[in-house]
Amino acid sequence: MESGKGYAKKFIKVAASLFILLFVYAASSKFMDFHGFRTQLGQSPIITAYADWVAWGIPLLELAIAGLFIVPKFMLSAFYASFSLMTMFTTYIILILNFSDFIPCSCGGVLEDLGWTEHIVFNVIFIAIAASSAFYLERNPKT
């Protein structure tokens, strides 16, 4: 029978793999339709002034975080960065939904087909995965 630590180690590996998949997929989608992504950001009432920087920065940051997951000593940092980025994305969505007349969607690929509620739920699930993984790694640094 497998111990709780064995399950936790598997959870951490699955969680890291999910984030790598999510961030590489999201960054690739943004780069493949870079013009559309940049245009959507330019229509955002919050990001308009920084659309060029954000259009390059977000997918590059997603790829950088995915890369951190590959190096075991950076795993905890990768989960913290994932938690932060997903929290920022979720906060952005909530702000846009509540305080903007125009709601641009700059998500790519499959995420583009999600409604706003589903998108928030999706993000919150990934926030919880990142938080629980970071919490575990903080308490078990040799994992």
C-alpha atoms as a PDB file:
ATOM      1  CA  MET A   1       0.000   0.000   0.000  1.00  0.00           C
ATOM      2  CA  GLU A   2       1.267   3.461  -0.876  1.00  0.00           C
ATOM      3  CA  SER A   3       1.898   6.059   1.823  1.00  0.00           C
ATOM      4  CA  GLY A   4       0.441   9.540   1.953  1.00  0.00           C
ATOM      5  CA  LYS A   5       3.813  10.918   0.871  1.00  0.00           C
ATOM      6  CA  GLY A   6       3.734   8.669  -2.190  1.00  0.00           C
ATOM      7  CA  TYR A   7       0.363  10.068  -3.201  1.00  0.00           C
ATOM      8  CA  ALA A   8       1.547  13.600  -2.514  1.00  0.00           C
ATOM      9  CA  LYS A   9       4.616  13.112  -4.715  1.00  0.00           C
ATOM     10  CA  LYS A  10       2.395  11.844  -7.533  1.00  0.00           C
ATOM     11  CA  PHE A  11       0.040  14.786  -7.027  1.00  0.00           C
ATOM     12  CA  ILE A  12       2.977  17.219  -7.283  1.00  0.00           C
ATOM     13  CA  LYS A  13       4.187  15.551 -10.504  1.00  0.00           C
ATOM     14  CA  VAL A  14       0.694  15.588 -12.022  1.00  0.00           C
ATOM     15  CA  ALA A  15       0.173  19.202 -10.917  1.00  0.00           C
ATOM     16  CA  ALA A  16       3.498  20.279 -12.457  1.00  0.00           C
ATOM     17  CA  SER A  17       2.634  18.442 -15.673  1.00  0.00           C
ATOM     18  CA  LEU A  18      -0.779  20.135 -15.817  1.00  0.00           C
ATOM     19  CA  PHE A  19       0.785  23.572 -15.411  1.00  0.00           C
ATOM     20  CA  ILE A  20       3.423  22.845 -18.050  1.00  0.00           C
ATOM     21  CA  LEU A  21       0.685  21.726 -20.435  1.00  0.00           C
ATOM     22  CA  LEU A  22      -1.520  24.713 -19.602  1.00  0.00           C
ATOM     23  CA  PHE A  23       1.198  27.352 -19.943  1.00  0.00           C
ATOM     24  CA  VAL A  24       2.862  25.926 -23.055  1.00  0.00           C
ATOM     25  CA  TYR A  25      -0.537  25.528 -24.709  1.00  0.00           C
ATOM     26  CA  ALA A  26      -1.675  29.029 -23.697  1.00  0.00           C
ATOM     27  CA  ALA A  27       1.582  30.668 -24.823  1.00  0.00           C
ATOM     28  CA  SER A  28       1.576  28.762 -28.115  1.00  0.00           C
ATOM     29  CA  SER A  29      -2.021  29.783 -28.790  1.00  0.00           C
ATOM     30  CA  LYS A  30      -1.158  33.412 -28.126  1.00  0.00           C
ATOM     31  CA  PHE A  31       1.889  33.327 -30.382  1.00  0.00           C
ATOM     32  CA  MET A  32       0.057  31.498 -33.181  1.00  0.00           C
ATOM     33  CA  ASP A  33      -2.583  34.255 -33.259  1.00  0.00           C
ATOM     34  CA  PHE A  34      -0.351  37.027 -32.005  1.00  0.00           C
ATOM     35  CA  HIS A  35      -2.084  39.755 -34.015  1.00  0.00           C
ATOM     36  CA  GLY A  36      -5.500  38.747 -32.661  1.00  0.00           C
ATOM     37  CA  PHE A  37      -4.153  38.444 -29.112  1.00  0.00           C
ATOM     38  CA  ARG A  38      -2.492  41.864 -29.324  1.00  0.00           C
ATOM     39  CA  THR A  39      -5.667  43.400 -30.785  1.00  0.00           C
ATOM     40  CA  GLN A  40      -7.822  41.972 -27.974  1.00  0.00           C
ATOM     41  CA  LEU A  41      -5.425  43.332 -25.359  1.00  0.00           C
ATOM     42  CA  GLY A  42      -5.530  46.722 -27.058  1.00  0.00           C
ATOM     43  CA  GLN A  43      -9.312  46.738 -26.623  1.00  0.00           C
ATOM     44  CA  SER A  44      -9.079  46.060 -22.906  1.00  0.00           C
ATOM     45  CA  PRO A  45      -9.956  49.118 -20.822  1.00  0.00           C
ATOM     46  CA  ILE A  46      -7.367  48.078 -18.233  1.00  0.00           C
ATOM     47  CA  ILE A  47      -4.409  47.075 -20.416  1.00  0.00           C
ATOM     48  CA  THR A  48      -4.707  49.320 -23.499  1.00  0.00           C
ATOM     49  CA  ALA A  49      -1.699  51.497 -22.703  1.00  0.00           C
ATOM     50  CA  TYR A  50       0.511  48.453 -22.111  1.00  0.00           C
ATOM     51  CA  ALA A  51      -0.895  46.100 -24.753  1.00  0.00           C
ATOM     52  CA  ASP A  52       2.377  45.708 -26.676  1.00  0.00           C
ATOM     53  CA  TRP A  53       4.375  44.850 -23.556  1.00  0.00           C
ATOM     54  CA  VAL A  54       1.698  42.554 -22.194  1.00  0.00           C
ATOM     55  CA  ALA A  55       1.226  40.801 -25.555  1.00  0.00           C
ATOM     56  CA  TRP A  56       4.865  39.729 -25.487  1.00  0.00           C
ATOM     57  CA  GLY A  57       5.269  39.464 -21.730  1.00  0.00           C
ATOM     58  CA  ILE A  58       2.413  37.121 -20.866  1.00  0.00           C
ATOM     59  CA  PRO A  59       3.267  34.261 -23.243  1.00  0.00           C
ATOM     60  CA  LEU A  60       6.986  34.603 -22.495  1.00  0.00           C
ATOM     61  CA  LEU A  61       6.208  34.510 -18.768  1.00  0.00           C
ATOM     62  CA  GLU A  62       4.001  31.441 -19.273  1.00  0.00           C
ATOM     63  CA  LEU A  63       6.852  29.669 -21.066  1.00  0.00           C
ATOM     64  CA  ALA A  64       9.350  30.733 -18.389  1.00  0.00           C
ATOM     65  CA  ILE A  65       7.142  29.365 -15.616  1.00  0.00           C
ATOM     66  CA  ALA A  66       6.660  26.108 -17.555  1.00  0.00           C
ATOM     67  CA  GLY A  67      10.449  25.900 -17.787  1.00  0.00           C
ATOM     68  CA  LEU A  68      10.819  26.339 -14.019  1.00  0.00           C
ATOM     69  CA  PHE A  69       8.762  23.188 -13.487  1.00  0.00           C
ATOM     70  CA  ILE A  70      11.350  21.156 -15.379  1.00  0.00           C
ATOM     71  CA  VAL A  71      14.125  21.936 -12.882  1.00  0.00           C
ATOM     72  CA  PRO A  72      13.356  20.229  -9.538  1.00  0.00           C
ATOM     73  CA  LYS A  73      15.022  22.899  -7.384  1.00  0.00           C
ATOM     74  CA  PHE A  74      12.723  25.548  -8.922  1.00  0.00           C
ATOM     75  CA  MET A  75       9.489  23.556  -8.466  1.00  0.00           C
ATOM     76  CA  LEU A  76       8.323  25.550  -5.424  1.00  0.00           C
ATOM     77  CA  SER A  77       9.043  28.841  -7.207  1.00  0.00           C
ATOM     78  CA  ALA A  78       7.150  27.563 -10.232  1.00  0.00           C
ATOM     79  CA  PHE A  79       4.073  26.814  -8.118  1.00  0.00           C
ATOM     80  CA  TYR A  80       4.257  30.250  -6.480  1.00  0.00           C
ATOM     81  CA  ALA A  81       4.599  31.897  -9.902  1.00  0.00           C
ATOM     82  CA  SER A  82       1.693  29.827 -11.238  1.00  0.00           C
ATOM     83  CA  PHE A  83      -0.438  30.757  -8.247  1.00  0.00           C
ATOM     84  CA  SER A  84       0.374  34.443  -8.780  1.00  0.00           C
ATOM     85  CA  LEU A  85      -0.238  34.427 -12.525  1.00  0.00           C
ATOM     86  CA  MET A  86      -3.515  32.505 -12.269  1.00  0.00           C
ATOM     87  CA  THR A  87      -4.679  34.819  -9.478  1.00  0.00           C
ATOM     88  CA  MET A  88      -3.864  37.852 -11.630  1.00  0.00           C
ATOM     89  CA  PHE A  89      -5.715  36.366 -14.617  1.00  0.00           C
ATOM     90  CA  THR A  90      -8.742  35.632 -12.446  1.00  0.00           C
ATOM     91  CA  THR A  91      -8.707  39.089 -10.879  1.00  0.00           C
ATOM     92  CA  TYR A  92      -8.464  40.636 -14.346  1.00  0.00           C
ATOM     93  CA  ILE A  93     -11.478  38.647 -15.550  1.00  0.00           C
ATOM     94  CA  ILE A  94     -13.541  39.620 -12.509  1.00  0.00           C
ATOM     95  CA  LEU A  95     -12.612  43.299 -12.904  1.00  0.00           C
ATOM     96  CA  ILE A  96     -13.470  43.287 -16.604  1.00  0.00           C
ATOM     97  CA  LEU A  97     -16.785  41.519 -15.996  1.00  0.00           C
ATOM     98  CA  ASN A  98     -17.822  43.914 -13.246  1.00  0.00           C
ATOM     99  CA  PHE A  99     -16.446  47.255 -14.364  1.00  0.00           C
ATOM    100  CA  SER A 100     -16.305  47.274 -18.153  1.00  0.00           C
ATOM    101  CA  ASP A 101     -18.935  47.661 -20.844  1.00  0.00           C
ATOM    102  CA  PHE A 102     -16.751  45.840 -23.366  1.00  0.00           C
ATOM    103  CA  ILE A 103     -15.373  42.416 -22.490  1.00  0.00           C
ATOM    104  CA  PRO A 104     -12.508  41.373 -24.762  1.00  0.00           C
ATOM    105  CA  CYS A 105     -11.462  37.739 -24.705  1.00  0.00           C
ATOM    106  CA  SER A 106      -7.785  37.209 -25.413  1.00  0.00           C
ATOM    107  CA  CYS A 107      -7.764  33.564 -24.437  1.00  0.00           C
ATOM    108  CA  GLY A 108      -6.655  31.161 -27.088  1.00  0.00           C
ATOM    109  CA  GLY A 109      -7.583  27.700 -28.216  1.00  0.00           C
ATOM    110  CA  VAL A 110      -9.939  25.596 -26.114  1.00  0.00           C
ATOM    111  CA  LEU A 111     -10.171  28.200 -23.334  1.00  0.00           C
ATOM    112  CA  GLU A 112     -11.756  30.573 -25.822  1.00  0.00           C
ATOM    113  CA  ASP A 113     -14.834  28.330 -25.867  1.00  0.00           C
ATOM    114  CA  LEU A 114     -15.400  28.598 -22.104  1.00  0.00           C
ATOM    115  CA  GLY A 115     -17.987  30.984 -20.723  1.00  0.00           C
ATOM    116  CA  TRP A 116     -16.843  33.508 -18.146  1.00  0.00           C
ATOM    117  CA  THR A 117     -18.145  31.504 -15.182  1.00  0.00           C
ATOM    118  CA  GLU A 118     -16.455  28.344 -16.449  1.00  0.00           C
ATOM    119  CA  HIS A 119     -13.256  30.286 -17.049  1.00  0.00           C
ATOM    120  CA  ILE A 120     -13.231  31.570 -13.480  1.00  0.00           C
ATOM    121  CA  VAL A 121     -13.935  28.075 -12.113  1.00  0.00           C
ATOM    122  CA  PHE A 122     -11.129  26.667 -14.293  1.00  0.00           C
ATOM    123  CA  ASN A 123      -8.731  29.317 -12.980  1.00  0.00           C
ATOM    124  CA  VAL A 124      -9.776  28.786  -9.357  1.00  0.00           C
ATOM    125  CA  ILE A 125      -9.129  25.041  -9.691  1.00  0.00           C
ATOM    126  CA  PHE A 126      -5.611  25.776 -10.969  1.00  0.00           C
ATOM    127  CA  ILE A 127      -5.097  28.337  -8.194  1.00  0.00           C
ATOM    128  CA  ALA A 128      -6.049  25.648  -5.649  1.00  0.00           C
ATOM    129  CA  ILE A 129      -3.693  23.132  -7.285  1.00  0.00           C
ATOM    130  CA  ALA A 130      -0.820  25.627  -7.167  1.00  0.00           C
ATOM    131  CA  ALA A 131      -1.560  26.625  -3.561  1.00  0.00           C
ATOM    132  CA  SER A 132      -1.849  23.062  -2.292  1.00  0.00           C
ATOM    133  CA  SER A 133       1.300  22.018  -4.156  1.00  0.00           C
ATOM    134  CA  ALA A 134       3.288  24.965  -2.802  1.00  0.00           C
ATOM    135  CA  PHE A 135       1.944  24.286   0.695  1.00  0.00           C
ATOM    136  CA  TYR A 136       3.067  20.669   0.502  1.00  0.00           C
ATOM    137  CA  LEU A 137       6.507  21.540  -0.910  1.00  0.00           C
ATOM    138  CA  GLU A 138       7.040  24.176   1.792  1.00  0.00           C
ATOM    139  CA  ARG A 139       6.505  21.497   4.425  1.00  0.00           C
ATOM    140  CA  ASN A 140       8.369  18.750   2.565  1.00  0.00           C
ATOM    141  CA  PRO A 141      11.295  20.422   0.780  1.00  0.00           C
ATOM    142  CA  LYS A 142      13.050  17.131  -0.010  1.00  0.00           C
ATOM    143  CA  THR A 143      10.170  15.977  -2.245  1.00  0.00           C
END
